């Protein structure tokens, strides 16, 4: 394991979130470019629980962070999953918990994405958006994507 980048710890988390991933979308909603789904505070760590309730594996990817896989179905992850990641395979019926630290640039108006990294699933809307804000800030307005 590369010791150059500190991986986030679950004990440092200030918040937990749950994501139900299905071919029809995340948390029951397909992607909407004009919607911010989550707001996170810069410099904080969160634990995200990814549950695959669908009929095939989803490769869950989060923009602008590298995360630690905490467990898969409550068990310690296999050795290949113990280093920093930006994508993790979530098999059918599986639950994967990850710890993420949001140290990237904060801008309440410019969202990052989380999504299934299979192109056909992206096309089907298995995606969501989050913004990173400074302490005490709220999410802003999503830029106009007319023509996209």
C-alpha atoms as a PDB file:
ATOM      1  CA  UNK A   1       0.000   0.000   0.000  1.00  0.00           C
ATOM      2  CA  UNK A   2       1.271   3.446  -0.925  1.00  0.00           C
ATOM      3  CA  UNK A   3       1.643   5.500   2.251  1.00  0.00           C
ATOM      4  CA  UNK A   4       1.918   8.787   0.288  1.00  0.00           C
ATOM      5  CA  UNK A   5      -1.809   9.566   0.514  1.00  0.00           C
ATOM      6  CA  UNK A   6      -3.609   9.219   3.809  1.00  0.00           C
ATOM      7  CA  UNK A   7      -6.776   7.197   3.437  1.00  0.00           C
ATOM      8  CA  UNK A   8      -9.843   8.358   5.333  1.00  0.00           C
ATOM      9  CA  UNK A   9     -10.970   6.448   8.411  1.00  0.00           C
ATOM     10  CA  UNK A  10     -14.582   5.633   9.257  1.00  0.00           C
ATOM     11  CA  UNK A  11     -14.086   7.046  12.764  1.00  0.00           C
ATOM     12  CA  UNK A  12     -13.423  10.484  11.233  1.00  0.00           C
ATOM     13  CA  UNK A  13     -16.775  10.574   9.425  1.00  0.00           C
ATOM     14  CA  UNK A  14     -19.121  13.436  10.225  1.00  0.00           C
ATOM     15  CA  UNK A  15     -21.957  12.010   8.155  1.00  0.00           C
ATOM     16  CA  UNK A  16     -23.215   8.811   6.558  1.00  0.00           C
ATOM     17  CA  UNK A  17     -25.175   8.543   3.325  1.00  0.00           C
ATOM     18  CA  UNK A  18     -26.933   5.631   1.643  1.00  0.00           C
ATOM     19  CA  UNK A  19     -27.051   5.014  -2.113  1.00  0.00           C
ATOM     20  CA  UNK A  20     -29.319   2.364  -3.606  1.00  0.00           C
ATOM     21  CA  UNK A  21     -27.897   1.660  -7.061  1.00  0.00           C
ATOM     22  CA  UNK A  22     -30.139   0.173  -9.726  1.00  0.00           C
ATOM     23  CA  UNK A  23     -30.231   0.292 -13.508  1.00  0.00           C
ATOM     24  CA  UNK A  24     -33.110   2.797 -13.187  1.00  0.00           C
ATOM     25  CA  UNK A  25     -31.014   5.292 -11.207  1.00  0.00           C
ATOM     26  CA  UNK A  26     -29.587   6.008  -7.785  1.00  0.00           C
ATOM     27  CA  UNK A  27     -31.915   6.270  -4.792  1.00  0.00           C
ATOM     28  CA  UNK A  28     -34.879   5.826  -7.122  1.00  0.00           C
ATOM     29  CA  UNK A  29     -34.002   8.758  -9.374  1.00  0.00           C
ATOM     30  CA  UNK A  30     -32.355   8.901 -12.772  1.00  0.00           C
ATOM     31  CA  UNK A  31     -29.775  11.638 -13.341  1.00  0.00           C
ATOM     32  CA  UNK A  32     -31.047  15.201 -13.722  1.00  0.00           C
ATOM     33  CA  UNK A  33     -28.523  17.825 -14.817  1.00  0.00           C
ATOM     34  CA  UNK A  34     -30.497  20.567 -13.051  1.00  0.00           C
ATOM     35  CA  UNK A  35     -30.506  18.805  -9.667  1.00  0.00           C
ATOM     36  CA  UNK A  36     -27.876  18.692  -6.922  1.00  0.00           C
ATOM     37  CA  UNK A  37     -28.407  15.436  -5.055  1.00  0.00           C
ATOM     38  CA  UNK A  38     -25.950  15.835  -2.181  1.00  0.00           C
ATOM     39  CA  UNK A  39     -23.992  18.625  -0.490  1.00  0.00           C
ATOM     40  CA  UNK A  40     -20.732  17.856   1.307  1.00  0.00           C
ATOM     41  CA  UNK A  41     -18.473  20.136   3.326  1.00  0.00           C
ATOM     42  CA  UNK A  42     -14.882  20.585   2.204  1.00  0.00           C
ATOM     43  CA  UNK A  43     -12.356  18.975   4.542  1.00  0.00           C
ATOM     44  CA  UNK A  44     -14.811  16.472   6.020  1.00  0.00           C
ATOM     45  CA  UNK A  45     -14.950  12.688   5.868  1.00  0.00           C
ATOM     46  CA  UNK A  46     -18.147  10.763   5.193  1.00  0.00           C
ATOM     47  CA  UNK A  47     -19.115   7.106   5.005  1.00  0.00           C
ATOM     48  CA  UNK A  48     -21.203   6.170   1.998  1.00  0.00           C
ATOM     49  CA  UNK A  49     -23.077   2.885   1.936  1.00  0.00           C
ATOM     50  CA  UNK A  50     -23.568   1.568  -1.591  1.00  0.00           C
ATOM     51  CA  UNK A  51     -26.267  -1.068  -1.985  1.00  0.00           C
ATOM     52  CA  UNK A  52     -26.768  -2.823  -5.307  1.00  0.00           C
ATOM     53  CA  UNK A  53     -30.433  -3.715  -5.537  1.00  0.00           C
ATOM     54  CA  UNK A  54     -30.236  -4.386  -9.246  1.00  0.00           C
ATOM     55  CA  UNK A  55     -29.667  -7.278 -11.563  1.00  0.00           C
ATOM     56  CA  UNK A  56     -25.989  -6.778 -12.433  1.00  0.00           C
ATOM     57  CA  UNK A  57     -22.722  -5.396 -11.031  1.00  0.00           C
ATOM     58  CA  UNK A  58     -22.364  -1.609 -10.849  1.00  0.00           C
ATOM     59  CA  UNK A  59     -18.893  -0.012 -10.893  1.00  0.00           C
ATOM     60  CA  UNK A  60     -19.475   2.956  -8.580  1.00  0.00           C
ATOM     61  CA  UNK A  61     -17.184   5.922  -9.305  1.00  0.00           C
ATOM     62  CA  UNK A  62     -16.873   9.220  -7.407  1.00  0.00           C
ATOM     63  CA  UNK A  63     -15.299  12.281  -9.022  1.00  0.00           C
ATOM     64  CA  UNK A  64     -12.506  14.224  -7.297  1.00  0.00           C
ATOM     65  CA  UNK A  65     -11.897  11.835  -4.394  1.00  0.00           C
ATOM     66  CA  UNK A  66     -10.008   8.686  -3.620  1.00  0.00           C
ATOM     67  CA  UNK A  67     -11.640   6.578  -0.965  1.00  0.00           C
ATOM     68  CA  UNK A  68     -11.124   3.617   1.339  1.00  0.00           C
ATOM     69  CA  UNK A  69     -13.300   0.528   0.995  1.00  0.00           C
ATOM     70  CA  UNK A  70     -14.310  -0.212   4.584  1.00  0.00           C
ATOM     71  CA  UNK A  71     -16.169  -3.467   4.052  1.00  0.00           C
ATOM     72  CA  UNK A  72     -18.066  -5.583   1.563  1.00  0.00           C
ATOM     73  CA  UNK A  73     -21.210  -7.200   2.977  1.00  0.00           C
ATOM     74  CA  UNK A  74     -19.861  -6.470   6.461  1.00  0.00           C
ATOM     75  CA  UNK A  75     -16.573  -8.302   5.842  1.00  0.00           C
ATOM     76  CA  UNK A  76     -13.047  -6.915   5.513  1.00  0.00           C
ATOM     77  CA  UNK A  77     -12.338  -6.170   1.843  1.00  0.00           C
ATOM     78  CA  UNK A  78     -10.081  -8.457  -0.158  1.00  0.00           C
ATOM     79  CA  UNK A  79      -6.452  -7.257  -0.496  1.00  0.00           C
ATOM     80  CA  UNK A  80      -7.027  -5.714  -3.949  1.00  0.00           C
ATOM     81  CA  UNK A  81      -9.599  -3.337  -2.417  1.00  0.00           C
ATOM     82  CA  UNK A  82      -7.502  -2.126   0.522  1.00  0.00           C
ATOM     83  CA  UNK A  83      -5.591   0.650  -1.251  1.00  0.00           C
ATOM     84  CA  UNK A  84      -7.029   3.994  -2.340  1.00  0.00           C
ATOM     85  CA  UNK A  85      -9.790   3.765  -4.930  1.00  0.00           C
ATOM     86  CA  UNK A  86     -11.954   6.030  -7.043  1.00  0.00           C
ATOM     87  CA  UNK A  87     -14.139   3.193  -8.371  1.00  0.00           C
ATOM     88  CA  UNK A  88     -15.424   0.045  -6.694  1.00  0.00           C
ATOM     89  CA  UNK A  89     -17.407  -2.855  -8.133  1.00  0.00           C
ATOM     90  CA  UNK A  90     -20.648  -3.428  -6.236  1.00  0.00           C
ATOM     91  CA  UNK A  91     -21.935  -6.907  -7.171  1.00  0.00           C
ATOM     92  CA  UNK A  92     -25.639  -7.779  -7.356  1.00  0.00           C
ATOM     93  CA  UNK A  93     -27.181  -7.830  -3.908  1.00  0.00           C
ATOM     94  CA  UNK A  94     -23.984  -6.545  -2.266  1.00  0.00           C
ATOM     95  CA  UNK A  95     -23.440  -3.681   0.153  1.00  0.00           C
ATOM     96  CA  UNK A  96     -20.121  -1.836   0.081  1.00  0.00           C
ATOM     97  CA  UNK A  97     -19.182   0.873   2.578  1.00  0.00           C
ATOM     98  CA  UNK A  98     -16.585   3.469   1.636  1.00  0.00           C
ATOM     99  CA  UNK A  99     -14.948   6.344   3.532  1.00  0.00           C
ATOM    100  CA  UNK A 100     -14.350   9.515   1.523  1.00  0.00           C
ATOM    101  CA  UNK A 101     -12.598  12.749   2.446  1.00  0.00           C
ATOM    102  CA  UNK A 102     -13.572  15.817   0.438  1.00  0.00           C
ATOM    103  CA  UNK A 103     -10.453  17.967   0.087  1.00  0.00           C
ATOM    104  CA  UNK A 104     -11.010  19.218  -3.460  1.00  0.00           C
ATOM    105  CA  UNK A 105     -12.026  22.711  -4.449  1.00  0.00           C
ATOM    106  CA  UNK A 106     -15.280  23.977  -2.943  1.00  0.00           C
ATOM    107  CA  UNK A 107     -17.791  25.664  -5.222  1.00  0.00           C
ATOM    108  CA  UNK A 108     -21.504  25.551  -4.366  1.00  0.00           C
ATOM    109  CA  UNK A 109     -22.425  26.061  -8.043  1.00  0.00           C
ATOM    110  CA  UNK A 110     -20.183  23.475  -9.736  1.00  0.00           C
ATOM    111  CA  UNK A 111     -21.204  19.872  -9.064  1.00  0.00           C
ATOM    112  CA  UNK A 112     -19.103  16.737  -9.136  1.00  0.00           C
ATOM    113  CA  UNK A 113     -20.618  13.405 -10.111  1.00  0.00           C
ATOM    114  CA  UNK A 114     -20.961   9.921  -8.708  1.00  0.00           C
ATOM    115  CA  UNK A 115     -22.145   7.218 -11.048  1.00  0.00           C
ATOM    116  CA  UNK A 116     -21.956   3.696 -12.349  1.00  0.00           C
ATOM    117  CA  UNK A 117     -18.867   3.628 -14.561  1.00  0.00           C
ATOM    118  CA  UNK A 118     -20.472   1.411 -17.212  1.00  0.00           C
ATOM    119  CA  UNK A 119     -21.212   3.604 -20.228  1.00  0.00           C
ATOM    120  CA  UNK A 120     -24.651   2.111 -20.925  1.00  0.00           C
ATOM    121  CA  UNK A 121     -25.615   2.683 -17.269  1.00  0.00           C
ATOM    122  CA  UNK A 122     -24.419   6.291 -17.455  1.00  0.00           C
ATOM    123  CA  UNK A 123     -26.598   6.687 -20.544  1.00  0.00           C
ATOM    124  CA  UNK A 124     -29.523   5.213 -18.568  1.00  0.00           C
ATOM    125  CA  UNK A 125     -29.107   7.829 -15.824  1.00  0.00           C
ATOM    126  CA  UNK A 126     -27.333   5.815 -13.096  1.00  0.00           C
ATOM    127  CA  UNK A 127     -25.656   9.018 -11.929  1.00  0.00           C
ATOM    128  CA  UNK A 128     -25.976  11.758  -9.339  1.00  0.00           C
ATOM    129  CA  UNK A 129     -24.357  15.103  -8.549  1.00  0.00           C
ATOM    130  CA  UNK A 130     -22.869  16.587  -5.401  1.00  0.00           C
ATOM    131  CA  UNK A 131     -21.305  19.910  -4.576  1.00  0.00           C
ATOM    132  CA  UNK A 132     -18.467  20.588  -2.187  1.00  0.00           C
ATOM    133  CA  UNK A 133     -19.049  23.683  -0.089  1.00  0.00           C
ATOM    134  CA  UNK A 134     -17.148  25.582   2.549  1.00  0.00           C
ATOM    135  CA  UNK A 135     -18.212  25.283   6.179  1.00  0.00           C
ATOM    136  CA  UNK A 136     -21.585  26.945   6.631  1.00  0.00           C
ATOM    137  CA  UNK A 137     -22.259  27.276   2.897  1.00  0.00           C
ATOM    138  CA  UNK A 138     -25.244  25.815   1.078  1.00  0.00           C
ATOM    139  CA  UNK A 139     -25.546  24.367  -2.395  1.00  0.00           C
ATOM    140  CA  UNK A 140     -25.964  26.994  -5.073  1.00  0.00           C
ATOM    141  CA  UNK A 141     -27.558  26.890  -8.497  1.00  0.00           C
ATOM    142  CA  UNK A 142     -26.585  24.311 -11.104  1.00  0.00           C
ATOM    143  CA  UNK A 143     -25.249  26.011 -14.253  1.00  0.00           C
ATOM    144  CA  UNK A 144     -27.532  26.043 -17.287  1.00  0.00           C
ATOM    145  CA  UNK A 145     -26.760  23.068 -19.503  1.00  0.00           C
ATOM    146  CA  UNK A 146     -28.985  24.125 -22.392  1.00  0.00           C
ATOM    147  CA  UNK A 147     -27.972  22.341 -25.548  1.00  0.00           C
ATOM    148  CA  UNK A 148     -26.316  19.403 -23.791  1.00  0.00           C
END
